[in-house]
Amino acid sequence: MAEPIATKIKQFGVYTTKDFFMGDYLTKLPTVETLAPRDDCCNIFDSKDLLFLAGILSNKLESLWIYKFEKNNRSIFLLEKDGLFFHPFYHTPIIPDENTKFIRKIHLRLIRSHFSNKFYPYRRLIHKNVASGYKNYHEDILEPVKLVDDKFIHHLFDQKFLDFDLSVVVPPGYAICPYCSIVKPFVQINSSADITWKLLVGRKYGYVLCPHCLGEFASRLLSMS
């Protein structure tokens, strides 16, 4: 059986979350004035503002559509109900004016898929490795990866998102997980096999993860041969 990945990280240097860029949109909740992803992605499917996306998906929406508009050359996203428009998750009424131009409707199924791909690629990687014979390491996490009926792979949208309470204060070094609320992320280092370094195609990646569900806050290539 292959060596558990967890034992391999001991040979690498020590990294902390300070070695990775995590924007304010991972440590602060969107406000009632926030009508678009805070990383200024006009295409919501390029956005890394997972809390804004989680806000949209946290509703028990009667509508399956989010409406995209442009105002002053910036995108905004609104929820429609009975011909009226609202903030997509705080439900405050929004009245589009003459400077607001309708662009398109976006089905929530597509936003769900984008969110899952952005926040749980590492958990999916572990799921694939476990299926291939790796041990399920990180046994201290609250939600170990399961091959069948994994809570965050197979039943992600049956889970409850965090409460969007704007009074929440996030301490330094912590982040907001859309499911687990305020957490202290940890850094996981993964390297390609030894033979890849000998062949000058080795890669070492770092991931900043939620300690409870393995949601990914940030990642980057650390070194290569």
C-alpha atoms as a PDB file:
ATOM      1  CA  MET A   1       0.000   0.000   0.000  1.00  0.00           C
ATOM      2  CA  ALA A   2       1.203   3.497  -0.784  1.00  0.00           C
ATOM      3  CA  GLU A   3       2.707   5.566   2.007  1.00  0.00           C
ATOM      4  CA  PRO A   4       0.169   7.940   3.610  1.00  0.00           C
ATOM      5  CA  ILE A   5       0.658  11.475   2.303  1.00  0.00           C
ATOM      6  CA  ALA A   6       0.630  12.848   5.850  1.00  0.00           C
ATOM      7  CA  THR A   7       3.969  11.225   6.615  1.00  0.00           C
ATOM      8  CA  LYS A   8       5.558  12.828   3.589  1.00  0.00           C
ATOM      9  CA  ILE A   9       5.035  16.433   4.571  1.00  0.00           C
ATOM     10  CA  LYS A  10       7.533  16.185   7.427  1.00  0.00           C
ATOM     11  CA  GLN A  11      10.478  16.388   5.028  1.00  0.00           C
ATOM     12  CA  PHE A  12       9.443  19.795   3.697  1.00  0.00           C
ATOM     13  CA  GLY A  13      10.059  23.231   5.129  1.00  0.00           C
ATOM     14  CA  VAL A  14       7.571  24.856   7.477  1.00  0.00           C
ATOM     15  CA  TYR A  15       4.943  27.078   5.882  1.00  0.00           C
ATOM     16  CA  THR A  16       2.228  29.149   7.520  1.00  0.00           C
ATOM     17  CA  THR A  17      -0.855  30.867   6.174  1.00  0.00           C
ATOM     18  CA  LYS A  18       1.243  34.055   5.904  1.00  0.00           C
ATOM     19  CA  ASP A  19       3.023  32.441   2.952  1.00  0.00           C
ATOM     20  CA  PHE A  20      -0.254  32.453   1.020  1.00  0.00           C
ATOM     21  CA  PHE A  21      -2.433  35.316  -0.158  1.00  0.00           C
ATOM     22  CA  MET A  22      -5.892  35.258   1.376  1.00  0.00           C
ATOM     23  CA  GLY A  23      -7.963  38.310   0.522  1.00  0.00           C
ATOM     24  CA  ASP A  24     -10.329  40.129   2.870  1.00  0.00           C
ATOM     25  CA  TYR A  25     -13.177  38.248   1.251  1.00  0.00           C
ATOM     26  CA  LEU A  26     -12.099  35.190   3.263  1.00  0.00           C
ATOM     27  CA  THR A  27     -12.022  36.983   6.623  1.00  0.00           C
ATOM     28  CA  LYS A  28     -14.998  39.366   6.334  1.00  0.00           C
ATOM     29  CA  LEU A  29     -18.622  38.671   5.487  1.00  0.00           C
ATOM     30  CA  PRO A  30     -20.210  40.558   2.590  1.00  0.00           C
ATOM     31  CA  THR A  31     -22.216  43.554   3.774  1.00  0.00           C
ATOM     32  CA  VAL A  32     -25.735  44.539   2.731  1.00  0.00           C
ATOM     33  CA  GLU A  33     -24.119  46.944   0.248  1.00  0.00           C
ATOM     34  CA  THR A  34     -22.222  44.075  -1.417  1.00  0.00           C
ATOM     35  CA  LEU A  35     -24.066  43.136  -4.594  1.00  0.00           C
ATOM     36  CA  ALA A  36     -21.224  41.396  -6.430  1.00  0.00           C
ATOM     37  CA  PRO A  37     -18.150  39.294  -5.652  1.00  0.00           C
ATOM     38  CA  ARG A  38     -15.601  41.396  -3.800  1.00  0.00           C
ATOM     39  CA  ASP A  39     -12.667  40.283  -5.954  1.00  0.00           C
ATOM     40  CA  ASP A  40     -14.190  42.380  -8.779  1.00  0.00           C
ATOM     41  CA  CYS A  41     -14.776  39.430 -11.113  1.00  0.00           C
ATOM     42  CA  CYS A  42     -17.456  40.514 -13.556  1.00  0.00           C
ATOM     43  CA  ASN A  43     -17.830  36.830 -14.419  1.00  0.00           C
ATOM     44  CA  ILE A  44     -19.160  35.160 -11.274  1.00  0.00           C
ATOM     45  CA  PHE A  45     -17.670  31.847 -12.435  1.00  0.00           C
ATOM     46  CA  ASP A  46     -14.150  33.279 -12.152  1.00  0.00           C
ATOM     47  CA  SER A  47     -14.700  34.619  -8.643  1.00  0.00           C
ATOM     48  CA  LYS A  48     -12.850  33.404  -5.568  1.00  0.00           C
ATOM     49  CA  ASP A  49     -15.221  35.243  -3.233  1.00  0.00           C
ATOM     50  CA  LEU A  50     -16.621  32.027  -1.825  1.00  0.00           C
ATOM     51  CA  LEU A  51     -18.562  33.766   0.935  1.00  0.00           C
ATOM     52  CA  PHE A  52     -20.548  35.789  -1.595  1.00  0.00           C
ATOM     53  CA  LEU A  53     -21.309  32.613  -3.540  1.00  0.00           C
ATOM     54  CA  ALA A  54     -22.188  30.794  -0.303  1.00  0.00           C
ATOM     55  CA  GLY A  55     -24.546  33.635   0.580  1.00  0.00           C
ATOM     56  CA  ILE A  56     -26.430  33.145  -2.674  1.00  0.00           C
ATOM     57  CA  LEU A  57     -26.613  29.398  -2.106  1.00  0.00           C
ATOM     58  CA  SER A  58     -27.596  29.681   1.568  1.00  0.00           C
ATOM     59  CA  ASN A  59     -31.159  30.706   0.744  1.00  0.00           C
ATOM     60  CA  LYS A  60     -34.073  28.354   0.435  1.00  0.00           C
ATOM     61  CA  LEU A  61     -34.883  30.141  -2.764  1.00  0.00           C
ATOM     62  CA  GLU A  62     -38.228  29.894  -4.504  1.00  0.00           C
ATOM     63  CA  SER A  63     -36.495  31.135  -7.622  1.00  0.00           C
ATOM     64  CA  LEU A  64     -33.735  29.110  -9.266  1.00  0.00           C
ATOM     65  CA  TRP A  65     -32.285  32.159 -10.970  1.00  0.00           C
ATOM     66  CA  ILE A  66     -29.999  35.027 -10.026  1.00  0.00           C
ATOM     67  CA  TYR A  67     -30.255  38.136 -12.211  1.00  0.00           C
ATOM     68  CA  LYS A  68     -27.085  39.829 -13.408  1.00  0.00           C
ATOM     69  CA  PHE A  69     -27.136  43.558 -14.107  1.00  0.00           C
ATOM     70  CA  GLU A  70     -24.553  46.187 -14.904  1.00  0.00           C
ATOM     71  CA  LYS A  71     -24.512  49.558 -13.169  1.00  0.00           C
ATOM     72  CA  ASN A  72     -21.819  52.141 -13.824  1.00  0.00           C
ATOM     73  CA  ASN A  73     -19.819  49.476 -15.709  1.00  0.00           C
ATOM     74  CA  ARG A  74     -19.855  47.105 -12.716  1.00  0.00           C
ATOM     75  CA  SER A  75     -21.743  43.856 -12.332  1.00  0.00           C
ATOM     76  CA  ILE A  76     -24.377  43.366  -9.641  1.00  0.00           C
ATOM     77  CA  PHE A  77     -26.400  40.241  -8.828  1.00  0.00           C
ATOM     78  CA  LEU A  78     -29.971  40.350  -7.530  1.00  0.00           C
ATOM     79  CA  LEU A  79     -32.702  37.936  -6.498  1.00  0.00           C
ATOM     80  CA  GLU A  80     -36.101  38.398  -8.148  1.00  0.00           C
ATOM     81  CA  LYS A  81     -39.421  37.575  -6.517  1.00  0.00           C
ATOM     82  CA  ASP A  82     -42.854  38.535  -7.836  1.00  0.00           C
ATOM     83  CA  GLY A  83     -41.359  41.173 -10.110  1.00  0.00           C
ATOM     84  CA  LEU A  84     -39.332  42.828  -7.338  1.00  0.00           C
ATOM     85  CA  PHE A  85     -35.565  42.629  -6.776  1.00  0.00           C
ATOM     86  CA  PHE A  86     -33.671  41.975  -3.562  1.00  0.00           C
ATOM     87  CA  HIS A  87     -30.172  41.554  -2.210  1.00  0.00           C
ATOM     88  CA  PRO A  88     -29.248  37.961  -3.130  1.00  0.00           C
ATOM     89  CA  PHE A  89     -29.066  36.790   0.502  1.00  0.00           C
ATOM     90  CA  TYR A  90     -29.829  39.616   2.941  1.00  0.00           C
ATOM     91  CA  HIS A  91     -33.216  40.147   1.230  1.00  0.00           C
ATOM     92  CA  THR A  92     -33.144  43.941   1.416  1.00  0.00           C
ATOM     93  CA  PRO A  93     -35.156  45.428  -1.475  1.00  0.00           C
ATOM     94  CA  ILE A  94     -33.168  46.864  -4.383  1.00  0.00           C
ATOM     95  CA  ILE A  95     -34.779  49.105  -6.998  1.00  0.00           C
ATOM     96  CA  PRO A  96     -32.826  49.105 -10.299  1.00  0.00           C
ATOM     97  CA  ASP A  97     -32.695  52.641 -11.712  1.00  0.00           C
ATOM     98  CA  GLU A  98     -32.208  53.970 -15.247  1.00  0.00           C
ATOM     99  CA  ASN A  99     -28.445  53.341 -14.958  1.00  0.00           C
ATOM    100  CA  THR A 100     -28.978  49.628 -14.308  1.00  0.00           C
ATOM    101  CA  LYS A 101     -28.883  47.380 -17.359  1.00  0.00           C
ATOM    102  CA  PHE A 102     -30.123  43.782 -17.325  1.00  0.00           C
ATOM    103  CA  ILE A 103     -27.500  41.337 -18.667  1.00  0.00           C
ATOM    104  CA  ARG A 104     -28.632  37.743 -18.070  1.00  0.00           C
ATOM    105  CA  LYS A 105     -30.175  35.194 -15.740  1.00  0.00           C
ATOM    106  CA  ILE A 106     -27.892  32.599 -14.095  1.00  0.00           C
ATOM    107  CA  HIS A 107     -29.240  29.254 -12.932  1.00  0.00           C
ATOM    108  CA  LEU A 108     -28.285  28.336  -9.369  1.00  0.00           C
ATOM    109  CA  ARG A 109     -27.194  24.889 -10.493  1.00  0.00           C
ATOM    110  CA  LEU A 110     -24.228  26.498 -12.263  1.00  0.00           C
ATOM    111  CA  ILE A 111     -23.304  28.553  -9.195  1.00  0.00           C
ATOM    112  CA  ARG A 112     -23.475  25.409  -7.041  1.00  0.00           C
ATOM    113  CA  SER A 113     -21.126  23.578  -9.388  1.00  0.00           C
ATOM    114  CA  HIS A 114     -18.653  26.484  -9.458  1.00  0.00           C
ATOM    115  CA  PHE A 115     -18.698  26.768  -5.659  1.00  0.00           C
ATOM    116  CA  SER A 116     -18.055  23.050  -5.208  1.00  0.00           C
ATOM    117  CA  ASN A 117     -15.173  23.066  -7.686  1.00  0.00           C
ATOM    118  CA  LYS A 118     -13.582  26.123  -6.070  1.00  0.00           C
ATOM    119  CA  PHE A 119     -13.909  25.145  -2.416  1.00  0.00           C
ATOM    120  CA  TYR A 120     -13.486  21.365  -2.394  1.00  0.00           C
ATOM    121  CA  PRO A 121     -10.854  20.424  -4.999  1.00  0.00           C
ATOM    122  CA  TYR A 122      -8.499  19.244  -2.260  1.00  0.00           C
ATOM    123  CA  ARG A 123     -11.134  17.073  -0.593  1.00  0.00           C
ATOM    124  CA  ARG A 124     -11.906  15.550  -3.996  1.00  0.00           C
ATOM    125  CA  LEU A 125      -8.191  14.871  -4.475  1.00  0.00           C
ATOM    126  CA  ILE A 126      -8.075  13.046  -1.140  1.00  0.00           C
ATOM    127  CA  HIS A 127     -11.196  11.103  -2.091  1.00  0.00           C
ATOM    128  CA  LYS A 128      -9.467   9.987  -5.287  1.00  0.00           C
ATOM    129  CA  ASN A 129      -6.301   9.018  -3.382  1.00  0.00           C
ATOM    130  CA  VAL A 130      -8.224   7.077  -0.744  1.00  0.00           C
ATOM    131  CA  ALA A 131      -9.996   5.194  -3.524  1.00  0.00           C
ATOM    132  CA  SER A 132      -6.575   4.344  -4.965  1.00  0.00           C
ATOM    133  CA  GLY A 133      -5.266   2.843  -1.720  1.00  0.00           C
ATOM    134  CA  TYR A 134      -4.014   5.746   0.406  1.00  0.00           C
ATOM    135  CA  LYS A 135      -4.936   5.786   4.049  1.00  0.00           C
ATOM    136  CA  ASN A 136      -7.451   8.406   5.107  1.00  0.00           C
ATOM    137  CA  TYR A 137      -4.978  10.695   6.833  1.00  0.00           C
ATOM    138  CA  HIS A 138      -5.788  13.692   8.982  1.00  0.00           C
ATOM    139  CA  GLU A 139      -7.873  11.509  11.233  1.00  0.00           C
ATOM    140  CA  ASP A 140      -8.326  14.408  13.662  1.00  0.00           C
ATOM    141  CA  ILE A 141     -10.532  16.369  11.262  1.00  0.00           C
ATOM    142  CA  LEU A 142     -14.203  16.480  12.174  1.00  0.00           C
ATOM    143  CA  GLU A 143     -15.350  15.151   8.808  1.00  0.00           C
ATOM    144  CA  PRO A 144     -12.953  12.470   7.470  1.00  0.00           C
ATOM    145  CA  VAL A 145     -13.203  11.778   3.741  1.00  0.00           C
ATOM    146  CA  LYS A 146     -15.515   8.865   2.952  1.00  0.00           C
ATOM    147  CA  LEU A 147     -15.506   6.830  -0.217  1.00  0.00           C
ATOM    148  CA  VAL A 148     -19.288   6.499  -0.191  1.00  0.00           C
ATOM    149  CA  ASP A 149     -21.771   9.183   0.866  1.00  0.00           C
ATOM    150  CA  ASP A 150     -19.108  11.719   1.739  1.00  0.00           C
ATOM    151  CA  LYS A 151     -20.793  14.665   3.423  1.00  0.00           C
ATOM    152  CA  PHE A 152     -18.998  17.343   1.403  1.00  0.00           C
ATOM    153  CA  ILE A 153     -18.559  15.541  -1.908  1.00  0.00           C
ATOM    154  CA  HIS A 154     -21.780  13.619  -2.451  1.00  0.00           C
ATOM    155  CA  HIS A 155     -24.178  15.624  -0.261  1.00  0.00           C
ATOM    156  CA  LEU A 156     -22.652  19.105  -0.193  1.00  0.00           C
ATOM    157  CA  PHE A 157     -25.871  21.052  -0.655  1.00  0.00           C
ATOM    158  CA  ASP A 158     -27.725  19.139   1.990  1.00  0.00           C
ATOM    159  CA  GLN A 159     -25.399  20.827   4.509  1.00  0.00           C
ATOM    160  CA  LYS A 160     -26.260  24.058   6.301  1.00  0.00           C
ATOM    161  CA  PHE A 161     -24.264  27.153   5.433  1.00  0.00           C
ATOM    162  CA  LEU A 162     -23.092  29.472   8.197  1.00  0.00           C
ATOM    163  CA  ASP A 163     -25.365  32.227   9.503  1.00  0.00           C
ATOM    164  CA  PHE A 164     -24.503  35.528   7.856  1.00  0.00           C
ATOM    165  CA  ASP A 165     -24.187  37.526  11.065  1.00  0.00           C
ATOM    166  CA  LEU A 166     -22.414  40.818  10.327  1.00  0.00           C
ATOM    167  CA  SER A 167     -21.509  41.302  13.999  1.00  0.00           C
ATOM    168  CA  VAL A 168     -19.002  38.432  13.752  1.00  0.00           C
ATOM    169  CA  VAL A 169     -15.368  39.461  14.330  1.00  0.00           C
ATOM    170  CA  VAL A 170     -12.664  37.248  12.859  1.00  0.00           C
ATOM    171  CA  PRO A 171      -9.406  37.149  14.890  1.00  0.00           C
ATOM    172  CA  PRO A 172      -6.057  37.530  13.069  1.00  0.00           C
ATOM    173  CA  GLY A 173      -4.915  34.267  11.523  1.00  0.00           C
ATOM    174  CA  TYR A 174      -8.449  32.935  11.214  1.00  0.00           C
ATOM    175  CA  ALA A 175     -10.822  32.696   8.260  1.00  0.00           C
ATOM    176  CA  ILE A 176     -14.510  32.112   7.627  1.00  0.00           C
ATOM    177  CA  CYS A 177     -15.479  28.711   6.272  1.00  0.00           C
ATOM    178  CA  PRO A 178     -18.885  28.791   4.517  1.00  0.00           C
ATOM    179  CA  TYR A 179     -19.871  25.665   6.473  1.00  0.00           C
ATOM    180  CA  CYS A 180     -17.775  25.601   9.653  1.00  0.00           C
ATOM    181  CA  SER A 181     -17.867  29.330  10.496  1.00  0.00           C
ATOM    182  CA  ILE A 182     -14.702  30.844  12.038  1.00  0.00           C
ATOM    183  CA  VAL A 183     -11.748  28.461  11.844  1.00  0.00           C
ATOM    184  CA  LYS A 184      -7.972  28.572  12.120  1.00  0.00           C
ATOM    185  CA  PRO A 185      -6.719  27.267   8.760  1.00  0.00           C
ATOM    186  CA  PHE A 186      -3.746  24.953   8.481  1.00  0.00           C
ATOM    187  CA  VAL A 187      -1.225  24.503   5.668  1.00  0.00           C
ATOM    188  CA  GLN A 188      -0.913  21.163   3.890  1.00  0.00           C
ATOM    189  CA  ILE A 189       2.093  20.536   1.614  1.00  0.00           C
ATOM    190  CA  ASN A 190       1.925  17.920  -1.141  1.00  0.00           C
ATOM    191  CA  SER A 191       4.721  16.901  -3.479  1.00  0.00           C
ATOM    192  CA  SER A 192       4.802  14.819  -6.616  1.00  0.00           C
ATOM    193  CA  ALA A 193       6.642  11.483  -6.481  1.00  0.00           C
ATOM    194  CA  ASP A 194      10.440  11.358  -6.038  1.00  0.00           C
ATOM    195  CA  ILE A 195      10.917  10.136  -9.605  1.00  0.00           C
ATOM    196  CA  THR A 196       9.336  13.325 -10.978  1.00  0.00           C
ATOM    197  CA  TRP A 197      12.040  15.424  -9.297  1.00  0.00           C
ATOM    198  CA  LYS A 198      14.749  13.257 -10.848  1.00  0.00           C
ATOM    199  CA  LEU A 199      13.103  13.744 -14.225  1.00  0.00           C
ATOM    200  CA  LEU A 200      12.969  17.527 -13.612  1.00  0.00           C
ATOM    201  CA  VAL A 201       9.195  17.644 -13.662  1.00  0.00           C
ATOM    202  CA  GLY A 202       8.650  17.659  -9.888  1.00  0.00           C
ATOM    203  CA  ARG A 203       6.086  19.950  -8.289  1.00  0.00           C
ATOM    204  CA  LYS A 204       5.375  20.930  -4.700  1.00  0.00           C
ATOM    205  CA  TYR A 205       2.076  22.598  -3.850  1.00  0.00           C
ATOM    206  CA  GLY A 206       0.782  24.216  -0.687  1.00  0.00           C
ATOM    207  CA  TYR A 207      -2.847  24.410   0.388  1.00  0.00           C
ATOM    208  CA  VAL A 208      -4.529  26.502   3.090  1.00  0.00           C
ATOM    209  CA  LEU A 209      -7.422  24.388   4.361  1.00  0.00           C
ATOM    210  CA  CYS A 210     -10.292  24.365   6.814  1.00  0.00           C
ATOM    211  CA  PRO A 211      -9.291  21.945   9.597  1.00  0.00           C
ATOM    212  CA  HIS A 212     -12.813  20.529   9.843  1.00  0.00           C
ATOM    213  CA  CYS A 213     -14.033  19.957   6.277  1.00  0.00           C
ATOM    214  CA  LEU A 214     -10.851  20.445   4.163  1.00  0.00           C
ATOM    215  CA  GLY A 215     -12.363  23.336   2.252  1.00  0.00           C
ATOM    216  CA  GLU A 216      -9.621  25.211   0.395  1.00  0.00           C
ATOM    217  CA  PHE A 217      -8.995  28.888   1.192  1.00  0.00           C
ATOM    218  CA  ALA A 218      -5.873  29.300  -0.946  1.00  0.00           C
ATOM    219  CA  SER A 219      -3.241  27.294  -2.795  1.00  0.00           C
ATOM    220  CA  ARG A 220      -0.124  27.884  -4.825  1.00  0.00           C
ATOM    221  CA  LEU A 221       2.856  26.218  -6.424  1.00  0.00           C
ATOM    222  CA  LEU A 222       5.755  26.367  -3.970  1.00  0.00           C
ATOM    223  CA  SER A 223       8.592  24.887  -6.003  1.00  0.00           C
ATOM    224  CA  MET A 224       9.369  22.909  -9.141  1.00  0.00           C
ATOM    225  CA  SER A 225      12.352  21.157 -10.656  1.00  0.00           C
END
